[in-house]
Amino acid sequence: MMPTPHILLVEDDESDVTFLKRALAKVEMTFPLDVVGNGRLAMDYLAGSGRFVDRATYPSPTHVLLDLKLPEKSGFEVLEWIRGVPALKELRVAILTSSGEGPDLQRAKELSVDCYLVKPMSFALLVEVARGIDLWIRTGQIPGADPRHPKRDLGAVH
């Protein structure tokens, strides 16, 4: 049986956190969401160390929404660390970033990210991204991916 979804959002921009929470509420996604503001805190949360040792208060997430440009540790550093920890290797990770640059997408693929989502500039489009995130969490279907080849196309959403 699959565990109840629990999401960790790793985002340092408070306005991005606020708008994403609003968009997720608009699509009626009700899964628990915890937020940390830098890469080091994300690693501590995922490891259950430091202030995140109490798993009743800070449950292990089933999904991570990870920005790339973070203080202390970049999103790539966090993703590389996740994929190197045996207990976290299968954790579902989506990059959620403002960077639609080819090299960033390529690096994310090399690090076995599950999907790569580009933050849109409008709230209406963010709601569509949130709808895709909700679908991904509920079903495993990668947002924007070709259903015939979901791992080949990481679902870059613009």
N, C-alpha and C. Protein backbone atom coordinates (compact mmCIF):
# COMPACT_ATOMS: atom_id res chain seq x y z
N MET A 1 0.84 -1.18 0.00
CA MET A 1 0.00 0.00 0.00
C MET A 1 0.89 1.25 0.00
N MET A 2 0.55 2.20 -0.84
CA MET A 2 1.31 3.44 -0.94
C MET A 2 1.05 4.31 0.28
N PRO A 3 2.10 4.96 0.80
CA PRO A 3 1.89 5.88 1.93
C PRO A 3 1.09 7.10 1.47
N THR A 4 0.42 7.73 2.42
CA THR A 4 -0.28 8.96 2.12
C THR A 4 0.73 9.99 1.65
N PRO A 5 0.47 10.65 0.52
CA PRO A 5 1.43 11.64 0.03
C PRO A 5 1.68 12.76 1.03
N HIS A 6 2.93 13.14 1.09
CA HIS A 6 3.38 14.27 1.91
C HIS A 6 4.46 14.97 1.11
N ILE A 7 4.33 16.27 0.93
CA ILE A 7 5.21 17.01 0.05
C ILE A 7 6.15 17.91 0.84
N LEU A 8 7.40 17.95 0.39
CA LEU A 8 8.37 18.91 0.90
C LEU A 8 8.65 19.88 -0.23
N LEU A 9 8.35 21.16 0.00
CA LEU A 9 8.67 22.23 -0.95
C LEU A 9 9.95 22.89 -0.47
N VAL A 10 10.94 22.94 -1.35
CA VAL A 10 12.22 23.58 -1.04
C VAL A 10 12.30 24.84 -1.90
N GLU A 11 12.02 25.97 -1.27
CA GLU A 11 11.91 27.25 -1.98
C GLU A 11 12.30 28.38 -1.05
N ASP A 12 13.19 29.25 -1.52
CA ASP A 12 13.65 30.35 -0.68
C ASP A 12 12.88 31.65 -0.90
N ASP A 13 12.09 31.75 -1.95
CA ASP A 13 11.35 32.97 -2.24
C ASP A 13 9.95 32.87 -1.64
N GLU A 14 9.70 33.68 -0.61
CA GLU A 14 8.41 33.63 0.10
C GLU A 14 7.22 33.90 -0.81
N SER A 15 7.38 34.79 -1.79
CA SER A 15 6.25 35.06 -2.68
C SER A 15 5.96 33.84 -3.57
N ASP A 16 7.01 33.12 -4.01
CA ASP A 16 6.79 31.89 -4.78
C ASP A 16 6.08 30.85 -3.92
N VAL A 17 6.45 30.75 -2.65
CA VAL A 17 5.78 29.81 -1.74
C VAL A 17 4.30 30.18 -1.62
N THR A 18 4.03 31.45 -1.39
CA THR A 18 2.65 31.91 -1.22
C THR A 18 1.82 31.63 -2.47
N PHE A 19 2.34 32.00 -3.64
CA PHE A 19 1.58 31.80 -4.87
C PHE A 19 1.38 30.32 -5.18
N LEU A 20 2.40 29.49 -4.92
CA LEU A 20 2.23 28.06 -5.17
C LEU A 20 1.19 27.47 -4.22
N LYS A 21 1.22 27.86 -2.96
CA LYS A 21 0.20 27.37 -2.02
C LYS A 21 -1.20 27.77 -2.48
N ARG A 22 -1.35 29.00 -2.96
CA ARG A 22 -2.65 29.45 -3.47
C ARG A 22 -3.08 28.64 -4.68
N ALA A 23 -2.14 28.38 -5.58
CA ALA A 23 -2.46 27.60 -6.78
C ALA A 23 -2.83 26.17 -6.42
N LEU A 24 -2.11 25.57 -5.49
CA LEU A 24 -2.43 24.21 -5.06
C LEU A 24 -3.80 24.17 -4.38
N ALA A 25 -4.14 25.19 -3.60
CA ALA A 25 -5.46 25.26 -2.98
C ALA A 25 -6.54 25.41 -4.05
N LYS A 26 -6.26 26.18 -5.07
CA LYS A 26 -7.24 26.39 -6.14
C LYS A 26 -7.57 25.09 -6.86
N VAL A 27 -6.59 24.19 -7.00
CA VAL A 27 -6.86 22.89 -7.64
C VAL A 27 -7.29 21.84 -6.61
N GLU A 28 -7.51 22.31 -5.38
CA GLU A 28 -8.00 21.49 -4.28
C GLU A 28 -7.08 20.33 -3.91
N MET A 29 -5.77 20.58 -4.02
CA MET A 29 -4.81 19.59 -3.55
C MET A 29 -4.73 19.70 -2.03
N THR A 30 -4.97 18.60 -1.36
CA THR A 30 -5.06 18.64 0.10
C THR A 30 -3.95 17.89 0.80
N PHE A 31 -2.97 17.41 0.06
CA PHE A 31 -1.88 16.68 0.69
C PHE A 31 -1.07 17.62 1.58
N PRO A 32 -0.55 17.12 2.70
CA PRO A 32 0.27 17.96 3.57
C PRO A 32 1.51 18.47 2.84
N LEU A 33 1.86 19.72 3.14
CA LEU A 33 2.99 20.37 2.50
C LEU A 33 3.82 21.06 3.57
N ASP A 34 5.10 20.70 3.64
CA ASP A 34 6.05 21.40 4.50
C ASP A 34 6.99 22.18 3.61
N VAL A 35 7.51 23.29 4.13
CA VAL A 35 8.37 24.17 3.34
C VAL A 35 9.66 24.41 4.10
N VAL A 36 10.78 24.32 3.40
CA VAL A 36 12.07 24.76 3.92
C VAL A 36 12.66 25.72 2.90
N GLY A 37 13.48 26.66 3.40
CA GLY A 37 13.94 27.75 2.57
C GLY A 37 15.35 27.67 2.04
N ASN A 38 16.05 26.56 2.27
CA ASN A 38 17.38 26.44 1.67
C ASN A 38 17.76 24.96 1.53
N GLY A 39 18.80 24.73 0.75
CA GLY A 39 19.22 23.36 0.46
C GLY A 39 19.70 22.59 1.68
N ARG A 40 20.40 23.26 2.59
CA ARG A 40 20.89 22.58 3.79
C ARG A 40 19.71 22.11 4.65
N LEU A 41 18.69 22.96 4.82
CA LEU A 41 17.51 22.55 5.59
C LEU A 41 16.77 21.41 4.91
N ALA A 42 16.75 21.41 3.58
CA ALA A 42 16.11 20.30 2.86
C ALA A 42 16.82 18.99 3.18
N MET A 43 18.14 19.01 3.18
CA MET A 43 18.90 17.80 3.48
C MET A 43 18.67 17.36 4.93
N ASP A 44 18.63 18.32 5.85
CA ASP A 44 18.36 17.98 7.26
C ASP A 44 16.96 17.39 7.40
N TYR A 45 15.99 18.00 6.74
CA TYR A 45 14.61 17.49 6.81
C TYR A 45 14.55 16.05 6.30
N LEU A 46 15.11 15.84 5.12
CA LEU A 46 15.06 14.50 4.51
C LEU A 46 15.82 13.45 5.32
N ALA A 47 16.89 13.88 5.99
CA ALA A 47 17.68 12.95 6.81
C ALA A 47 17.05 12.75 8.19
N GLY A 48 16.08 13.59 8.54
CA GLY A 48 15.50 13.52 9.88
C GLY A 48 16.50 13.92 10.93
N SER A 49 17.30 14.94 10.62
CA SER A 49 18.32 15.38 11.58
C SER A 49 18.06 16.82 12.02
N GLY A 50 18.83 17.24 13.02
CA GLY A 50 18.66 18.60 13.54
C GLY A 50 17.26 18.81 14.08
N ARG A 51 16.68 19.92 13.72
CA ARG A 51 15.33 20.23 14.23
C ARG A 51 14.24 19.36 13.62
N PHE A 52 14.58 18.52 12.62
CA PHE A 52 13.60 17.68 11.94
C PHE A 52 13.62 16.23 12.41
N VAL A 53 14.24 15.98 13.56
CA VAL A 53 14.39 14.62 14.05
C VAL A 53 13.05 13.98 14.44
N ASP A 54 12.08 14.77 14.84
CA ASP A 54 10.77 14.26 15.26
C ASP A 54 9.91 13.98 14.03
N ARG A 55 9.82 12.71 13.64
CA ARG A 55 9.08 12.35 12.44
C ARG A 55 7.57 12.47 12.62
N ALA A 56 7.09 12.55 13.84
CA ALA A 56 5.66 12.81 14.05
C ALA A 56 5.34 14.24 13.63
N THR A 57 6.25 15.15 13.89
CA THR A 57 6.07 16.56 13.52
C THR A 57 6.51 16.81 12.08
N TYR A 58 7.58 16.15 11.65
CA TYR A 58 8.15 16.33 10.31
C TYR A 58 8.21 14.98 9.60
N PRO A 59 7.07 14.51 9.09
CA PRO A 59 7.04 13.19 8.45
C PRO A 59 7.93 13.13 7.20
N SER A 60 8.43 11.96 6.93
CA SER A 60 9.21 11.77 5.70
C SER A 60 8.32 12.06 4.50
N PRO A 61 8.78 12.91 3.60
CA PRO A 61 7.96 13.21 2.43
C PRO A 61 7.98 12.08 1.42
N THR A 62 6.93 12.01 0.63
CA THR A 62 6.87 11.08 -0.49
C THR A 62 7.29 11.77 -1.78
N HIS A 63 7.20 13.11 -1.79
CA HIS A 63 7.50 13.91 -2.97
C HIS A 63 8.22 15.19 -2.54
N VAL A 64 9.14 15.64 -3.39
CA VAL A 64 9.86 16.88 -3.15
C VAL A 64 9.69 17.78 -4.36
N LEU A 65 9.34 19.04 -4.09
CA LEU A 65 9.33 20.09 -5.11
C LEU A 65 10.55 20.95 -4.82
N LEU A 66 11.51 20.97 -5.72
CA LEU A 66 12.83 21.51 -5.43
C LEU A 66 13.21 22.63 -6.40
N ASP A 67 13.45 23.81 -5.85
CA ASP A 67 13.98 24.91 -6.65
C ASP A 67 15.46 24.63 -6.92
N LEU A 68 16.00 25.21 -7.96
CA LEU A 68 17.43 25.02 -8.26
C LEU A 68 18.31 26.05 -7.58
N LYS A 69 17.86 27.28 -7.59
CA LYS A 69 18.68 28.38 -7.06
C LYS A 69 18.30 28.61 -5.60
N LEU A 70 19.08 27.99 -4.72
CA LEU A 70 18.82 28.02 -3.29
C LEU A 70 20.06 28.47 -2.53
N PRO A 71 19.87 29.07 -1.37
CA PRO A 71 21.03 29.38 -0.52
C PRO A 71 21.58 28.10 0.13
N GLU A 72 22.82 28.15 0.50
CA GLU A 72 23.56 27.13 1.24
C GLU A 72 23.88 25.89 0.42
N LYS A 73 22.92 25.26 -0.18
CA LYS A 73 23.13 24.13 -1.10
C LYS A 73 22.18 24.34 -2.26
N SER A 74 22.67 24.20 -3.47
CA SER A 74 21.81 24.37 -4.64
C SER A 74 20.85 23.19 -4.77
N GLY A 75 19.83 23.38 -5.59
CA GLY A 75 18.91 22.28 -5.86
C GLY A 75 19.62 21.07 -6.46
N PHE A 76 20.61 21.33 -7.31
CA PHE A 76 21.37 20.22 -7.89
C PHE A 76 22.15 19.47 -6.81
N GLU A 77 22.74 20.20 -5.87
CA GLU A 77 23.47 19.54 -4.78
C GLU A 77 22.53 18.69 -3.94
N VAL A 78 21.34 19.22 -3.67
CA VAL A 78 20.35 18.46 -2.89
C VAL A 78 19.92 17.22 -3.66
N LEU A 79 19.62 17.38 -4.95
CA LEU A 79 19.18 16.24 -5.76
C LEU A 79 20.27 15.17 -5.85
N GLU A 80 21.51 15.60 -6.05
CA GLU A 80 22.62 14.64 -6.11
C GLU A 80 22.75 13.89 -4.78
N TRP A 81 22.61 14.62 -3.68
CA TRP A 81 22.68 13.99 -2.35
C TRP A 81 21.54 12.99 -2.18
N ILE A 82 20.30 13.39 -2.57
CA ILE A 82 19.15 12.49 -2.45
C ILE A 82 19.43 11.18 -3.20
N ARG A 83 19.89 11.29 -4.42
CA ARG A 83 20.11 10.09 -5.25
C ARG A 83 21.26 9.24 -4.72
N GLY A 84 22.10 9.80 -3.86
CA GLY A 84 23.21 9.05 -3.28
C GLY A 84 22.89 8.40 -1.95
N VAL A 85 21.74 8.70 -1.37
CA VAL A 85 21.34 8.13 -0.08
C VAL A 85 20.42 6.93 -0.37
N PRO A 86 20.85 5.71 -0.06
CA PRO A 86 20.04 4.54 -0.41
C PRO A 86 18.57 4.63 0.04
N ALA A 87 18.33 5.14 1.23
CA ALA A 87 16.95 5.21 1.72
C ALA A 87 16.10 6.24 0.98
N LEU A 88 16.75 7.17 0.26
CA LEU A 88 16.02 8.23 -0.44
C LEU A 88 16.08 8.09 -1.96
N LYS A 89 16.83 7.13 -2.43
CA LYS A 89 17.09 7.00 -3.86
C LYS A 89 15.81 6.99 -4.71
N GLU A 90 14.75 6.40 -4.19
CA GLU A 90 13.49 6.30 -4.94
C GLU A 90 12.52 7.44 -4.65
N LEU A 91 12.91 8.40 -3.81
CA LEU A 91 12.06 9.54 -3.50
C LEU A 91 11.73 10.29 -4.79
N ARG A 92 10.47 10.63 -4.95
CA ARG A 92 10.04 11.35 -6.15
C ARG A 92 10.38 12.83 -6.00
N VAL A 93 11.12 13.33 -7.00
CA VAL A 93 11.59 14.71 -6.95
C VAL A 93 11.22 15.41 -8.25
N ALA A 94 10.59 16.59 -8.10
CA ALA A 94 10.31 17.46 -9.24
C ALA A 94 11.10 18.74 -9.05
N ILE A 95 11.81 19.14 -10.08
CA ILE A 95 12.44 20.45 -10.08
C ILE A 95 11.34 21.45 -10.41
N LEU A 96 11.23 22.51 -9.62
CA LEU A 96 10.28 23.59 -9.87
C LEU A 96 11.08 24.87 -9.82
N THR A 97 11.41 25.41 -10.99
CA THR A 97 12.39 26.49 -11.08
C THR A 97 11.99 27.51 -12.13
N SER A 98 12.63 28.64 -12.08
CA SER A 98 12.41 29.66 -13.11
C SER A 98 13.32 29.43 -14.31
N SER A 99 14.24 28.49 -14.21
CA SER A 99 15.21 28.24 -15.28
C SER A 99 14.70 27.21 -16.27
N GLY A 100 14.50 27.66 -17.49
CA GLY A 100 14.15 26.73 -18.56
C GLY A 100 15.35 26.44 -19.44
N GLU A 101 16.54 26.73 -18.95
CA GLU A 101 17.76 26.56 -19.73
C GLU A 101 18.09 25.10 -19.99
N GLY A 102 18.51 24.80 -21.21
CA GLY A 102 18.85 23.44 -21.61
C GLY A 102 19.85 22.75 -20.71
N PRO A 103 20.96 23.42 -20.33
CA PRO A 103 21.93 22.75 -19.46
C PRO A 103 21.35 22.36 -18.10
N ASP A 104 20.45 23.17 -17.56
CA ASP A 104 19.82 22.82 -16.27
C ASP A 104 18.93 21.59 -16.43
N LEU A 105 18.16 21.55 -17.51
CA LEU A 105 17.30 20.39 -17.77
C LEU A 105 18.16 19.14 -17.96
N GLN A 106 19.25 19.27 -18.71
CA GLN A 106 20.13 18.13 -18.94
C GLN A 106 20.75 17.62 -17.64
N ARG A 107 21.21 18.54 -16.81
CA ARG A 107 21.80 18.14 -15.52
C ARG A 107 20.76 17.46 -14.64
N ALA A 108 19.53 17.97 -14.65
CA ALA A 108 18.46 17.35 -13.86
C ALA A 108 18.19 15.92 -14.35
N LYS A 109 18.19 15.73 -15.66
CA LYS A 109 18.00 14.38 -16.21
C LYS A 109 19.13 13.45 -15.75
N GLU A 110 20.37 13.96 -15.81
CA GLU A 110 21.52 13.16 -15.39
C GLU A 110 21.40 12.72 -13.93
N LEU A 111 20.76 13.55 -13.12
CA LEU A 111 20.59 13.25 -11.70
C LEU A 111 19.28 12.51 -11.41
N SER A 112 18.62 12.04 -12.46
CA SER A 112 17.41 11.21 -12.35
C SER A 112 16.24 11.91 -11.67
N VAL A 113 16.03 13.19 -12.02
CA VAL A 113 14.85 13.89 -11.52
C VAL A 113 13.62 13.24 -12.17
N ASP A 114 12.50 13.26 -11.47
CA ASP A 114 11.28 12.68 -12.02
C ASP A 114 10.60 13.60 -13.02
N CYS A 115 10.57 14.89 -12.73
CA CYS A 115 10.03 15.84 -13.70
C CYS A 115 10.64 17.22 -13.46
N TYR A 116 10.57 18.04 -14.49
CA TYR A 116 11.19 19.35 -14.49
C TYR A 116 10.11 20.35 -14.89
N LEU A 117 9.77 21.23 -13.98
CA LEU A 117 8.70 22.19 -14.21
C LEU A 117 9.26 23.61 -14.14
N VAL A 118 8.90 24.42 -15.12
CA VAL A 118 9.34 25.80 -15.13
C VAL A 118 8.22 26.67 -14.57
N LYS A 119 8.58 27.49 -13.58
CA LYS A 119 7.60 28.39 -12.97
C LYS A 119 7.11 29.39 -14.02
N PRO A 120 5.82 29.46 -14.20
CA PRO A 120 5.30 30.44 -15.17
C PRO A 120 5.23 31.84 -14.57
N MET A 121 5.00 32.81 -15.43
CA MET A 121 4.97 34.20 -15.00
C MET A 121 3.56 34.65 -14.58
N SER A 122 2.54 33.87 -14.88
CA SER A 122 1.18 34.28 -14.51
C SER A 122 0.57 33.28 -13.53
N PHE A 123 -0.35 33.78 -12.72
CA PHE A 123 -1.01 32.91 -11.75
C PHE A 123 -1.87 31.86 -12.46
N ALA A 124 -2.52 32.24 -13.55
CA ALA A 124 -3.36 31.28 -14.28
C ALA A 124 -2.53 30.09 -14.75
N LEU A 125 -1.34 30.37 -15.25
CA LEU A 125 -0.47 29.27 -15.69
C LEU A 125 0.08 28.49 -14.50
N LEU A 126 0.32 29.17 -13.39
CA LEU A 126 0.77 28.48 -12.18
C LEU A 126 -0.29 27.50 -11.70
N VAL A 127 -1.54 27.87 -11.84
CA VAL A 127 -2.63 26.95 -11.48
C VAL A 127 -2.56 25.70 -12.35
N GLU A 128 -2.23 25.85 -13.62
CA GLU A 128 -2.09 24.67 -14.49
C GLU A 128 -0.91 23.81 -14.06
N VAL A 129 0.20 24.45 -13.66
CA VAL A 129 1.34 23.70 -13.12
C VAL A 129 0.92 22.96 -11.85
N ALA A 130 0.16 23.64 -10.99
CA ALA A 130 -0.32 23.02 -9.75
C ALA A 130 -1.22 21.82 -10.06
N ARG A 131 -2.03 21.95 -11.09
CA ARG A 131 -2.90 20.83 -11.50
C ARG A 131 -2.03 19.64 -11.91
N GLY A 132 -0.94 19.92 -12.64
CA GLY A 132 -0.02 18.86 -13.04
C GLY A 132 0.69 18.24 -11.85
N ILE A 133 1.08 19.06 -10.88
CA ILE A 133 1.72 18.54 -9.67
C ILE A 133 0.76 17.63 -8.92
N ASP A 134 -0.49 18.05 -8.79
CA ASP A 134 -1.50 17.24 -8.11
C ASP A 134 -1.67 15.90 -8.82
N LEU A 135 -1.76 15.93 -10.14
CA LEU A 135 -1.90 14.69 -10.92
C LEU A 135 -0.68 13.79 -10.71
N TRP A 136 0.51 14.38 -10.74
CA TRP A 136 1.74 13.60 -10.55
C TRP A 136 1.75 12.94 -9.18
N ILE A 137 1.35 13.66 -8.16
CA ILE A 137 1.36 13.10 -6.81
C ILE A 137 0.30 12.01 -6.65
N ARG A 138 -0.87 12.24 -7.22
CA ARG A 138 -1.95 11.25 -7.08
C ARG A 138 -1.74 10.00 -7.93
N THR A 139 -1.17 10.17 -9.14
CA THR A 139 -1.14 9.05 -10.09
C THR A 139 0.26 8.63 -10.54
N GLY A 140 1.25 9.49 -10.34
CA GLY A 140 2.59 9.21 -10.85
C GLY A 140 2.78 9.68 -12.28
N GLN A 141 1.71 10.18 -12.92
CA GLN A 141 1.84 10.68 -14.28
C GLN A 141 2.62 11.98 -14.27
N ILE A 142 3.66 12.05 -15.07
CA ILE A 142 4.53 13.21 -15.10
C ILE A 142 3.84 14.34 -15.86
N PRO A 143 3.74 15.52 -15.24
CA PRO A 143 3.05 16.64 -15.89
C PRO A 143 3.66 16.99 -17.24
N GLY A 144 2.82 17.06 -18.25
CA GLY A 144 3.27 17.48 -19.57
C GLY A 144 4.04 16.44 -20.35
N ALA A 145 4.23 15.25 -19.79
CA ALA A 145 5.02 14.22 -20.47
C ALA A 145 4.17 13.46 -21.47
N ASP A 146 4.83 12.90 -22.44
CA ASP A 146 4.19 12.01 -23.39
C ASP A 146 3.86 10.72 -22.64
N PRO A 147 2.57 10.36 -22.51
CA PRO A 147 2.23 9.17 -21.72
C PRO A 147 2.85 7.88 -22.25
N ARG A 148 3.26 7.88 -23.53
CA ARG A 148 3.89 6.68 -24.08
C ARG A 148 5.34 6.54 -23.63
N HIS A 149 5.97 7.67 -23.26
CA HIS A 149 7.38 7.67 -22.86
C HIS A 149 7.60 8.64 -21.71
N PRO A 150 6.97 8.41 -20.55
CA PRO A 150 7.00 9.41 -19.49
C PRO A 150 8.38 9.71 -18.93
N LYS A 151 9.30 8.77 -18.92
CA LYS A 151 10.63 9.05 -18.35
C LYS A 151 11.56 9.69 -19.38
N ARG A 152 11.24 9.56 -20.66
CA ARG A 152 12.09 10.17 -21.67
C ARG A 152 11.86 11.68 -21.72
N ASP A 153 10.60 12.09 -21.61
CA ASP A 153 10.24 13.50 -21.62
C ASP A 153 9.91 13.90 -20.20
N LEU A 154 10.74 14.70 -19.58
CA LEU A 154 10.54 15.04 -18.17
C LEU A 154 9.45 16.06 -17.94
N GLY A 155 8.71 16.40 -18.96
CA GLY A 155 7.55 17.24 -18.75
C GLY A 155 7.87 18.68 -18.44
N ALA A 156 8.81 19.27 -19.15
CA ALA A 156 9.09 20.69 -18.92
C ALA A 156 7.84 21.50 -19.24
N VAL A 157 7.35 22.24 -18.28
CA VAL A 157 6.15 23.04 -18.44
C VAL A 157 6.55 24.50 -18.46
N HIS A 158 6.06 25.24 -19.42
CA HIS A 158 6.40 26.67 -19.54
C HIS A 158 5.20 27.52 -19.28
